[in-house]
Amino acid sequence: MMDSVDPTAAKIVLAASEGDSIRRIAQKIDGTYSWVYTWVERLEEIDVVERADGIRVTAPEVRDGYAELMASIARQTSPGVEESYVIPHFAGMDFAFTKIDAVYVWTHGGYQIARGGDAYPVFIQVHDADVGQWQSFFERYDIPCVIGERDDSVVEDVEQSVYYSVYPTTDPIDPEWVEGDPVVPLSETIEYMREYRWNFEPALEMVADEYDVDIDVDSPSYAPAQ
């Protein structure tokens, strides 16, 4: 029994959305395909998940138990940067990485800007109707969050640097998926980079090369990225 009380098992059960492939779950939790496959088999043996047109969690009480365990641990030790991209997958609500993080995801982490050791905001787009639930979710993990804009002051008096900058929308969230992460569409990301071109010229070149997008080369005017 205790063999199933494992961080990988917890992350799989919490991050899995119905129909997810093993590969997508592995990408969501930043794990290896082979190790996630092994754990899915173990969890299937004890009737926690099943494989039928993708993964489905069949024991919600186990999901709830893992959620409480992970939240308790998070309250004792602050999440690192890599973990901050995994945690939103545990919320069970639609979201998409946006703004600076849309650039970060589309460039596979190859372009990073305007964040450092003192403050590391993670930018996500959420349904306007879910804002209260997102606030409760992050409070459960004892992670600061702000709504609608970046505000590094929320981590000035705490030891951790990670917080979430949440952007509500009343439009449908229909993300594209890049290596297991939901992200606003590439066209929207390019439009954002063009708006703050001074900051994102190298990223625009990276995106143009990888995704075969025709992007004109202009002389950018300065505007700070949000």
Protein backbone atom coordinates (compact mmCIF):
# COMPACT_ATOMS: atom_id res chain seq x y z
CA MET A 1 0.00 0.00 0.00
CA MET A 2 2.66 2.51 1.02
CA ASP A 3 4.45 1.88 -2.27
CA SER A 4 1.79 4.03 -3.92
CA VAL A 5 2.49 7.05 -1.69
CA ASP A 6 5.00 8.50 -4.11
CA PRO A 7 5.57 11.99 -5.57
CA THR A 8 5.35 10.71 -9.14
CA ALA A 9 2.09 8.89 -8.45
CA ALA A 10 0.65 12.02 -6.85
CA LYS A 11 1.66 14.25 -9.75
CA ILE A 12 0.22 11.82 -12.30
CA VAL A 13 -3.14 11.58 -10.54
CA LEU A 14 -3.36 15.32 -9.98
CA ALA A 15 -2.21 16.41 -13.44
CA ALA A 16 -4.14 13.88 -15.52
CA SER A 17 -7.09 15.20 -17.47
CA GLU A 18 -9.46 12.63 -18.96
CA GLY A 19 -8.10 11.44 -22.29
CA ASP A 20 -4.50 12.50 -21.67
CA SER A 21 -1.85 10.29 -23.18
CA ILE A 22 1.04 9.05 -21.08
CA ARG A 23 3.34 11.30 -23.08
CA ARG A 24 1.26 14.40 -22.34
CA ILE A 25 1.15 13.60 -18.62
CA ALA A 26 4.92 13.07 -18.61
CA GLN A 27 5.37 16.47 -20.22
CA LYS A 28 2.96 18.16 -17.81
CA ILE A 29 4.84 16.92 -14.76
CA ASP A 30 8.30 17.22 -16.34
CA GLY A 31 8.91 13.48 -16.04
CA THR A 32 10.25 10.77 -18.31
CA TYR A 33 7.86 8.75 -20.47
CA SER A 34 9.18 5.41 -19.21
CA TRP A 35 8.85 6.30 -15.53
CA VAL A 36 5.33 7.69 -15.97
CA TYR A 37 4.35 4.59 -17.98
CA THR A 38 5.59 2.39 -15.13
CA TRP A 39 3.60 4.35 -12.56
CA VAL A 40 0.45 4.34 -14.68
CA GLU A 41 0.66 0.55 -14.78
CA ARG A 42 1.04 0.42 -10.97
CA LEU A 43 -1.87 2.80 -10.43
CA GLU A 44 -4.00 0.80 -12.86
CA GLU A 45 -3.33 -2.36 -10.85
CA ILE A 46 -4.84 -0.78 -7.73
CA ASP A 47 -7.79 0.76 -9.65
CA VAL A 48 -6.73 4.39 -9.27
CA VAL A 49 -6.55 5.03 -13.02
CA GLU A 50 -7.60 3.22 -16.15
CA ARG A 51 -6.42 3.36 -19.75
CA ALA A 52 -9.23 3.61 -22.30
CA ASP A 53 -8.78 6.20 -25.02
CA GLY A 54 -6.33 7.92 -22.71
CA ILE A 55 -5.85 8.07 -18.97
CA ARG A 56 -8.82 8.48 -16.64
CA VAL A 57 -8.66 8.79 -12.87
CA THR A 58 -11.18 6.35 -11.38
CA ALA A 59 -10.59 7.06 -7.67
CA PRO A 60 -11.43 10.71 -6.91
CA GLU A 61 -10.87 10.12 -3.22
CA VAL A 62 -7.23 9.25 -3.98
CA ARG A 63 -6.91 12.43 -6.06
CA ASP A 64 -8.27 14.44 -3.11
CA GLY A 65 -5.83 12.75 -0.73
CA TYR A 66 -2.87 13.46 -2.98
CA ALA A 67 -4.04 17.06 -3.38
CA GLU A 68 -4.03 17.59 0.37
CA LEU A 69 -0.63 15.90 0.70
CA MET A 70 0.93 18.06 -2.03
CA ALA A 71 -0.61 21.22 -0.61
CA SER A 72 0.72 20.40 2.86
CA ILE A 73 4.21 19.90 1.46
CA ALA A 74 3.98 23.12 -0.58
CA ARG A 75 3.13 25.06 2.59
CA GLN A 76 6.35 23.79 4.15
CA THR A 77 8.68 24.36 1.22
CA SER A 78 8.30 26.99 -1.49
CA PRO A 79 8.07 25.80 -5.12
CA GLY A 80 11.00 26.29 -7.44
CA VAL A 81 10.75 27.76 -10.93
CA GLU A 82 10.41 24.38 -12.67
CA GLU A 83 7.71 23.30 -10.22
CA SER A 84 5.80 26.52 -10.81
CA TYR A 85 4.95 25.34 -14.33
CA VAL A 86 3.64 22.00 -13.02
CA ILE A 87 1.44 23.25 -10.18
CA PRO A 88 -1.33 24.86 -12.31
CA HIS A 89 -1.98 21.45 -13.89
CA PHE A 90 -3.17 20.24 -10.46
CA ALA A 91 -6.04 22.75 -10.31
CA GLY A 92 -8.40 20.84 -12.60
CA MET A 93 -9.39 24.06 -14.39
CA ASP A 94 -8.67 25.36 -17.87
CA PHE A 95 -5.75 27.73 -18.23
CA ALA A 96 -3.11 28.79 -20.71
CA PHE A 97 0.32 30.32 -20.27
CA THR A 98 0.31 33.86 -21.62
CA LYS A 99 2.43 37.01 -22.09
CA ILE A 100 6.10 36.44 -21.12
CA ASP A 101 5.34 32.79 -20.43
CA ALA A 102 3.72 32.31 -23.83
CA VAL A 103 7.06 33.37 -25.32
CA TYR A 104 8.88 31.11 -22.86
CA VAL A 105 6.75 28.09 -23.78
CA TRP A 106 6.78 28.63 -27.56
CA THR A 107 10.59 28.94 -27.49
CA HIS A 108 10.86 25.81 -25.30
CA GLY A 109 12.38 27.86 -22.50
CA GLY A 110 14.90 29.36 -24.89
CA TYR A 111 13.92 32.97 -24.28
CA GLN A 112 13.61 34.42 -20.81
CA ILE A 113 13.21 38.10 -19.93
CA ALA A 114 12.23 40.47 -17.12
CA ARG A 115 12.39 37.91 -14.32
CA GLY A 116 15.03 37.07 -11.78
CA GLY A 117 15.81 35.61 -8.39
CA ASP A 118 13.91 38.23 -6.41
CA ALA A 119 10.62 37.88 -8.27
CA TYR A 120 9.44 35.22 -10.67
CA PRO A 121 5.86 35.83 -11.84
CA VAL A 122 4.21 33.05 -13.84
CA PHE A 123 1.61 34.43 -16.25
CA ILE A 124 -1.56 32.41 -16.87
CA GLN A 125 -4.85 33.12 -18.59
CA VAL A 126 -7.97 31.74 -16.86
CA HIS A 127 -11.73 31.88 -17.20
CA ASP A 128 -13.15 34.95 -15.51
CA ALA A 129 -15.71 32.76 -13.73
CA ASP A 130 -12.89 30.66 -12.21
CA VAL A 131 -10.87 33.50 -10.67
CA GLY A 132 -12.13 32.87 -7.13
CA GLN A 133 -11.32 29.16 -7.41
CA TRP A 134 -7.82 29.94 -8.69
CA GLN A 135 -7.24 32.28 -5.76
CA SER A 136 -8.36 29.54 -3.36
CA PHE A 137 -6.17 27.00 -5.13
CA PHE A 138 -3.01 29.10 -4.84
CA GLU A 139 -3.88 30.01 -1.26
CA ARG A 140 -4.06 26.30 -0.51
CA TYR A 141 -0.49 25.98 -1.79
CA ASP A 142 0.51 29.15 0.08
CA ILE A 143 1.67 30.78 -3.17
CA PRO A 144 0.94 34.47 -3.78
CA CYS A 145 -1.12 35.48 -6.79
CA VAL A 146 -2.27 38.75 -8.29
CA ILE A 147 -5.16 39.35 -10.66
CA GLY A 148 -4.87 41.27 -13.90
CA GLU A 149 -1.36 42.66 -13.65
CA ARG A 150 2.15 41.97 -12.48
CA ASP A 151 2.99 43.06 -8.95
CA ASP A 152 6.36 41.93 -7.62
CA SER A 153 5.64 43.51 -4.24
CA VAL A 154 3.70 40.39 -3.20
CA VAL A 155 7.00 38.53 -2.71
CA GLU A 156 9.01 41.36 -1.15
CA ASP A 157 8.48 40.13 2.41
CA VAL A 158 8.51 36.37 1.81
CA GLU A 159 11.31 33.92 1.17
CA GLN A 160 9.97 32.62 -2.14
CA SER A 161 10.24 34.39 -5.48
CA VAL A 162 7.51 32.56 -7.42
CA TYR A 163 4.01 33.96 -7.68
CA TYR A 164 1.21 33.81 -10.25
CA SER A 165 -0.07 36.71 -12.31
CA VAL A 166 -3.57 35.69 -13.39
CA TYR A 167 -5.31 37.24 -16.39
CA PRO A 168 -9.07 36.57 -16.51
CA THR A 169 -10.90 36.33 -19.83
CA THR A 170 -14.53 35.94 -20.75
CA ASP A 171 -13.54 34.42 -24.10
CA PRO A 172 -13.23 30.65 -24.51
CA ILE A 173 -9.81 29.27 -23.59
CA ASP A 174 -8.68 27.12 -26.49
CA PRO A 175 -4.96 26.69 -25.93
CA GLU A 176 -2.41 25.09 -28.14
CA TRP A 177 -0.17 22.52 -26.52
CA VAL A 178 3.62 22.70 -26.56
CA GLU A 179 5.45 19.86 -24.83
CA GLY A 180 2.59 19.30 -22.39
CA ASP A 181 1.93 22.95 -21.59
CA PRO A 182 -1.25 24.78 -22.64
CA VAL A 183 -0.36 28.14 -24.15
CA VAL A 184 -2.19 30.94 -25.94
CA PRO A 185 -1.99 30.54 -29.74
CA LEU A 186 1.22 31.31 -31.57
CA SER A 187 -0.47 34.12 -33.52
CA GLU A 188 -1.47 35.83 -30.26
CA THR A 189 2.03 35.35 -28.86
CA ILE A 190 3.59 36.89 -31.96
CA GLU A 191 1.22 39.86 -31.72
CA TYR A 192 2.29 40.35 -28.09
CA MET A 193 5.97 40.15 -29.02
CA ARG A 194 5.47 42.66 -31.82
CA GLU A 195 3.83 45.07 -29.37
CA TYR A 196 6.97 44.91 -27.19
CA ARG A 197 9.37 44.24 -30.01
CA TRP A 198 12.35 45.89 -28.33
CA ASN A 199 12.21 43.14 -25.70
CA PHE A 200 11.45 40.22 -27.98
CA GLU A 201 13.40 40.68 -31.21
CA PRO A 202 15.58 37.58 -30.57
CA ALA A 203 12.49 35.54 -29.67
CA LEU A 204 10.73 36.64 -32.85
CA GLU A 205 13.68 35.37 -34.84
CA MET A 206 13.59 32.07 -32.96
CA VAL A 207 9.86 31.65 -33.62
CA ALA A 208 10.20 32.64 -37.28
CA ASP A 209 12.89 30.02 -37.81
CA GLU A 210 11.23 27.15 -35.94
CA TYR A 211 7.61 27.65 -37.03
CA ASP A 212 8.30 29.03 -40.52
CA VAL A 213 6.49 32.30 -39.80
CA ASP A 214 7.15 35.34 -41.97
CA ILE A 215 8.00 38.16 -39.57
CA ASP A 216 9.21 41.50 -40.94
CA VAL A 217 12.35 42.93 -39.42
CA ASP A 218 11.66 46.46 -38.14
CA SER A 219 13.58 48.89 -36.01
CA PRO A 220 11.78 48.40 -32.70
CA SER A 221 10.85 51.23 -30.40
CA TYR A 222 11.29 50.67 -26.71
CA ALA A 223 8.36 49.60 -24.54
CA PRO A 224 8.75 47.59 -21.32
CA ALA A 225 7.28 44.09 -21.41
CA GLN A 226 4.36 43.44 -19.09
